[in-house]
Amino acid sequence: MVGSGLAFQLPLVSFVLTTIGLVTPRFLRTYRKYAYVAILFIAAVITPSPDWMSQTIVALPLILLYELSIRVSVRVTRRQEKRDREEWS
């Protein structure tokens, strides 16, 4: 339960890391396939039973959260670029 709760913080972590400049949307898109493998591994560890259905039930929301994190990162980057353009104008 704690692992799932921590996983739902992924968009927030993405927001913070993008804001401070450690992560970009391009980086998240480039390493998407590795993130999916990590998500499947985490889902296998988190699930209480070894069947594939429960692992899928845990993995799908995590994948959706990762995709949401990419969207959050894009939004933060666009906002920062807009702010930079306004400062130079």
C-alpha atoms as a PDB file:
ATOM      1  CA  MET A   1       0.000   0.000   0.000  1.00  0.00           C
ATOM      2  CA  VAL A   2       2.863   2.375   0.774  1.00  0.00           C
ATOM      3  CA  GLY A   3       4.505   1.608  -2.571  1.00  0.00           C
ATOM      4  CA  SER A   4       1.354   2.458  -4.475  1.00  0.00           C
ATOM      5  CA  GLY A   5       0.954   5.641  -2.468  1.00  0.00           C
ATOM      6  CA  LEU A   6       4.485   6.698  -3.294  1.00  0.00           C
ATOM      7  CA  ALA A   7       3.984   5.913  -6.962  1.00  0.00           C
ATOM      8  CA  PHE A   8       1.086   8.358  -7.131  1.00  0.00           C
ATOM      9  CA  GLN A   9       3.552  11.121  -6.288  1.00  0.00           C
ATOM     10  CA  LEU A  10       5.262  10.659  -9.673  1.00  0.00           C
ATOM     11  CA  PRO A  11       3.663  13.713 -11.364  1.00  0.00           C
ATOM     12  CA  LEU A  12       4.603  15.878  -8.387  1.00  0.00           C
ATOM     13  CA  VAL A  13       8.193  14.646  -8.486  1.00  0.00           C
ATOM     14  CA  SER A  14       8.278  15.313 -12.229  1.00  0.00           C
ATOM     15  CA  PHE A  15       6.989  18.847 -11.631  1.00  0.00           C
ATOM     16  CA  VAL A  16       9.677  19.599  -9.059  1.00  0.00           C
ATOM     17  CA  LEU A  17      12.514  18.060 -11.090  1.00  0.00           C
ATOM     18  CA  THR A  18      11.458  19.930 -14.230  1.00  0.00           C
ATOM     19  CA  THR A  19      11.146  23.193 -12.334  1.00  0.00           C
ATOM     20  CA  ILE A  20      14.691  22.959 -11.012  1.00  0.00           C
ATOM     21  CA  GLY A  21      15.993  21.834 -14.398  1.00  0.00           C
ATOM     22  CA  LEU A  22      17.023  18.242 -13.732  1.00  0.00           C
ATOM     23  CA  VAL A  23      14.429  16.629 -16.041  1.00  0.00           C
ATOM     24  CA  THR A  24      13.086  17.655 -19.435  1.00  0.00           C
ATOM     25  CA  PRO A  25      10.160  16.305 -21.429  1.00  0.00           C
ATOM     26  CA  ARG A  26      12.634  15.074 -24.041  1.00  0.00           C
ATOM     27  CA  PHE A  27      14.502  13.082 -21.387  1.00  0.00           C
ATOM     28  CA  LEU A  28      11.267  11.490 -20.143  1.00  0.00           C
ATOM     29  CA  ARG A  29      10.217  10.568 -23.678  1.00  0.00           C
ATOM     30  CA  THR A  30      13.647   9.191 -24.580  1.00  0.00           C
ATOM     31  CA  TYR A  31      13.764   6.860 -21.580  1.00  0.00           C
ATOM     32  CA  ARG A  32      10.072   5.873 -21.709  1.00  0.00           C
ATOM     33  CA  LYS A  33      10.782   2.233 -22.607  1.00  0.00           C
ATOM     34  CA  TYR A  34      13.176   1.862 -19.667  1.00  0.00           C
ATOM     35  CA  ALA A  35      10.614   3.458 -17.384  1.00  0.00           C
ATOM     36  CA  TYR A  36       8.013   0.935 -18.559  1.00  0.00           C
ATOM     37  CA  VAL A  37      10.331  -1.947 -17.706  1.00  0.00           C
ATOM     38  CA  ALA A  38      10.989  -0.412 -14.283  1.00  0.00           C
ATOM     39  CA  ILE A  39       7.239   0.072 -13.766  1.00  0.00           C
ATOM     40  CA  LEU A  40       6.567  -3.578 -14.611  1.00  0.00           C
ATOM     41  CA  PHE A  41       9.294  -4.640 -12.182  1.00  0.00           C
ATOM     42  CA  ILE A  42       7.882  -2.402  -9.447  1.00  0.00           C
ATOM     43  CA  ALA A  43       4.390  -3.753 -10.113  1.00  0.00           C
ATOM     44  CA  ALA A  44       5.710  -7.298  -9.760  1.00  0.00           C
ATOM     45  CA  VAL A  45       7.263  -6.427  -6.393  1.00  0.00           C
ATOM     46  CA  ILE A  46       4.259  -4.482  -5.087  1.00  0.00           C
ATOM     47  CA  THR A  47       1.550  -6.991  -5.977  1.00  0.00           C
ATOM     48  CA  PRO A  48       0.521  -9.436  -3.296  1.00  0.00           C
ATOM     49  CA  SER A  49       0.013 -12.373  -5.665  1.00  0.00           C
ATOM     50  CA  PRO A  50       2.193 -13.706  -8.498  1.00  0.00           C
ATOM     51  CA  ASP A  51      -0.499 -13.765 -11.208  1.00  0.00           C
ATOM     52  CA  TRP A  52      -0.163 -11.520 -14.246  1.00  0.00           C
ATOM     53  CA  MET A  53      -3.595  -9.939 -13.859  1.00  0.00           C
ATOM     54  CA  SER A  54      -2.867  -8.283 -10.517  1.00  0.00           C
ATOM     55  CA  GLN A  55       0.500  -7.094 -11.810  1.00  0.00           C
ATOM     56  CA  THR A  56      -1.254  -5.547 -14.811  1.00  0.00           C
ATOM     57  CA  ILE A  57      -3.815  -3.882 -12.554  1.00  0.00           C
ATOM     58  CA  VAL A  58      -0.963  -2.224 -10.657  1.00  0.00           C
ATOM     59  CA  ALA A  59       1.182  -1.433 -13.726  1.00  0.00           C
ATOM     60  CA  LEU A  60      -1.458   0.308 -15.843  1.00  0.00           C
ATOM     61  CA  PRO A  61      -2.086   3.208 -13.429  1.00  0.00           C
ATOM     62  CA  LEU A  62       1.672   3.610 -12.996  1.00  0.00           C
ATOM     63  CA  ILE A  63       2.129   3.847 -16.756  1.00  0.00           C
ATOM     64  CA  LEU A  64      -0.665   6.403 -16.936  1.00  0.00           C
ATOM     65  CA  LEU A  65       0.993   8.381 -14.148  1.00  0.00           C
ATOM     66  CA  TYR A  66       4.278   8.324 -16.055  1.00  0.00           C
ATOM     67  CA  GLU A  67       2.529   9.682 -19.142  1.00  0.00           C
ATOM     68  CA  LEU A  68       0.881  12.343 -16.982  1.00  0.00           C
ATOM     69  CA  SER A  69       4.341  13.227 -15.670  1.00  0.00           C
ATOM     70  CA  ILE A  70       5.510  13.837 -19.222  1.00  0.00           C
ATOM     71  CA  ARG A  71       2.549  16.170 -19.785  1.00  0.00           C
ATOM     72  CA  VAL A  72       3.294  18.005 -16.546  1.00  0.00           C
ATOM     73  CA  SER A  73       6.913  18.403 -17.582  1.00  0.00           C
ATOM     74  CA  VAL A  74       5.894  19.802 -20.986  1.00  0.00           C
ATOM     75  CA  ARG A  75       3.613  22.322 -19.310  1.00  0.00           C
ATOM     76  CA  VAL A  76       6.265  23.477 -16.861  1.00  0.00           C
ATOM     77  CA  THR A  77       8.821  23.833 -19.657  1.00  0.00           C
ATOM     78  CA  ARG A  78       6.434  25.877 -21.808  1.00  0.00           C
ATOM     79  CA  ARG A  79       5.608  28.126 -18.877  1.00  0.00           C
ATOM     80  CA  GLN A  80       9.302  28.696 -18.152  1.00  0.00           C
ATOM     81  CA  GLU A  81      10.012  29.455 -21.826  1.00  0.00           C
ATOM     82  CA  LYS A  82       7.106  31.912 -21.940  1.00  0.00           C
ATOM     83  CA  ARG A  83       8.362  33.639 -18.798  1.00  0.00           C
ATOM     84  CA  ASP A  84      11.868  33.871 -20.279  1.00  0.00           C
ATOM     85  CA  ARG A  85      10.507  35.379 -23.514  1.00  0.00           C
ATOM     86  CA  GLU A  86       8.509  37.970 -21.574  1.00  0.00           C
ATOM     87  CA  GLU A  87      11.577  38.946 -19.546  1.00  0.00           C
ATOM     88  CA  TRP A  88      13.635  39.532 -22.695  1.00  0.00           C
ATOM     89  CA  SER A  89      10.900  41.568 -24.370  1.00  0.00           C
END
